[in-house]
Amino acid sequence: MIESFSTRAVGRDRKAEFWNNLVGQTYSGLSVDALDTQFDAHLFRWSMDGLMLMRPRSAASVVARRSHVVQDTATQKLTLHIGLSGHLGVTHRGHDIALGVGDMVVCASEEFYRFDC
């Protein structure tokens, strides 16, 4: 299944709420703080046999995942993030790194991490 979502059709006062609901459903525990009052974002989401690929594009923002306890190790997941444009600051497991175009980072989905986009 291929899906496309955008904040363009959402009123300015609801864009952040709409985007946070969408990313929270797509990436469990994720939240976004927009750094621009003109925040616009778009998400392509592909689902195939238990594998999900996402390509978000947005205005400058801070993206963070709250850590949560996973009781069943079979439900633990890894998330691969690939820099497609610009620069990205990442905080994960107590380390701060800078990513550029083509750089990748793998994060444990049940742990806290933060992106400064």
Protein backbone atom coordinates (compact mmCIF):
# COMPACT_ATOMS: atom_id res chain seq x y z
CA MET A 1 0.00 0.00 0.00
CA ILE A 2 1.27 3.47 -0.85
CA GLU A 3 -0.03 6.50 1.04
CA SER A 4 0.68 10.22 0.84
CA PHE A 5 -0.06 12.82 3.54
CA SER A 6 0.45 16.58 3.59
CA THR A 7 -0.17 19.53 5.92
CA ARG A 8 -1.05 21.81 2.98
CA ALA A 9 -4.78 21.12 3.21
CA VAL A 10 -4.82 21.67 6.99
CA GLY A 11 -5.46 25.08 8.55
CA ARG A 12 -2.38 26.86 9.94
CA ASP A 13 -3.56 26.50 13.55
CA ARG A 14 -3.97 22.69 13.15
CA LYS A 15 -0.82 21.79 11.15
CA ALA A 16 1.34 20.84 14.15
CA GLU A 17 -1.45 18.78 15.73
CA PHE A 18 -2.18 17.00 12.42
CA TRP A 19 1.51 16.27 11.80
CA ASN A 20 2.11 15.00 15.35
CA ASN A 21 -0.89 12.67 15.14
CA LEU A 22 0.36 11.33 11.80
CA VAL A 23 3.97 10.77 12.85
CA GLY A 24 2.84 9.33 16.19
CA GLN A 25 0.78 6.70 14.31
CA THR A 26 3.61 6.03 11.85
CA TYR A 27 6.52 6.06 14.33
CA SER A 28 5.35 5.00 17.81
CA GLY A 29 6.24 7.59 20.46
CA LEU A 30 7.55 10.20 18.02
CA SER A 31 6.76 13.91 18.33
CA VAL A 32 7.71 16.95 16.27
CA ASP A 33 8.27 20.54 17.37
CA ALA A 34 8.11 22.84 14.35
CA LEU A 35 10.66 25.66 14.36
CA ASP A 36 8.80 27.73 11.76
CA THR A 37 5.30 29.19 12.00
CA GLN A 38 4.89 28.42 8.27
CA PHE A 39 5.45 24.70 8.95
CA ASP A 40 4.66 22.47 5.98
CA ALA A 41 5.33 18.76 5.77
CA HIS A 42 4.68 15.76 3.53
CA LEU A 43 4.97 12.02 4.18
CA PHE A 44 5.05 9.12 1.74
CA ARG A 45 4.44 5.75 3.43
CA TRP A 46 4.85 2.35 1.76
CA SER A 47 3.79 -0.90 3.51
CA MET A 48 4.85 -4.33 2.23
CA ASP A 49 4.51 -7.61 4.17
CA GLY A 50 5.38 -6.19 7.60
CA LEU A 51 8.04 -3.80 6.26
CA MET A 52 7.25 -0.10 6.30
CA LEU A 53 9.22 2.57 4.43
CA MET A 54 8.63 6.25 5.07
CA ARG A 55 9.92 9.42 3.45
CA PRO A 56 9.04 12.50 5.46
CA ARG A 57 9.85 16.02 4.24
CA SER A 58 9.26 19.01 6.44
CA ALA A 59 10.28 22.49 7.39
CA ALA A 60 12.89 22.88 10.14
CA SER A 61 11.89 20.98 13.27
CA VAL A 62 13.05 19.00 16.28
CA VAL A 63 11.97 15.37 16.16
CA ALA A 64 12.14 13.20 19.29
CA ARG A 65 11.06 9.72 20.29
CA ARG A 66 10.17 9.11 23.90
CA SER A 67 11.67 5.95 25.30
CA HIS A 68 9.23 3.25 26.29
CA VAL A 69 9.62 -0.20 27.81
CA VAL A 70 9.15 -3.16 25.49
CA GLN A 71 8.35 -6.29 27.48
CA ASP A 72 8.47 -8.73 24.57
CA THR A 73 11.84 -8.79 22.80
CA ALA A 74 10.06 -10.04 19.64
CA THR A 75 8.39 -6.60 19.36
CA GLN A 76 11.66 -4.64 19.53
CA LYS A 77 12.39 -2.83 16.27
CA LEU A 78 15.23 -0.95 14.67
CA THR A 79 14.71 2.17 12.62
CA LEU A 80 17.15 3.12 9.86
CA HIS A 81 17.32 6.83 9.09
CA ILE A 82 19.06 8.03 5.92
CA GLY A 83 19.95 11.67 5.26
CA LEU A 84 18.53 12.65 1.88
CA SER A 85 19.22 16.39 2.01
CA GLY A 86 20.73 19.02 4.28
CA HIS A 87 22.27 18.26 7.65
CA LEU A 88 20.86 16.49 10.67
CA GLY A 89 21.98 16.49 14.30
CA VAL A 90 21.22 13.21 16.08
CA THR A 91 21.26 12.34 19.78
CA HIS A 92 21.00 8.63 20.64
CA ARG A 93 22.35 6.56 23.54
CA GLY A 94 24.16 9.58 24.97
CA HIS A 95 26.03 10.42 21.77
CA ASP A 96 25.63 13.46 19.53
CA ILE A 97 26.49 13.05 15.86
CA ALA A 98 26.07 15.11 12.71
CA LEU A 99 24.71 13.46 9.58
CA GLY A 100 24.83 14.72 6.02
CA VAL A 101 23.44 13.55 2.70
CA GLY A 102 23.86 9.78 2.34
CA ASP A 103 24.73 9.19 6.01
CA MET A 104 22.74 6.59 7.94
CA VAL A 105 22.01 5.92 11.59
CA VAL A 106 20.22 2.92 13.12
CA CYS A 107 18.19 3.63 16.26
CA ALA A 108 16.51 1.24 18.69
CA SER A 109 12.82 2.10 18.39
CA GLU A 110 12.09 1.61 22.09
CA GLU A 111 14.80 4.08 23.16
CA PHE A 112 14.92 7.87 23.25
CA TYR A 113 16.45 9.63 20.29
CA ARG A 114 16.31 13.16 18.94
CA PHE A 115 16.88 14.73 15.51
CA ASP A 116 17.52 18.43 14.96
CA CYS A 117 16.46 18.88 11.35
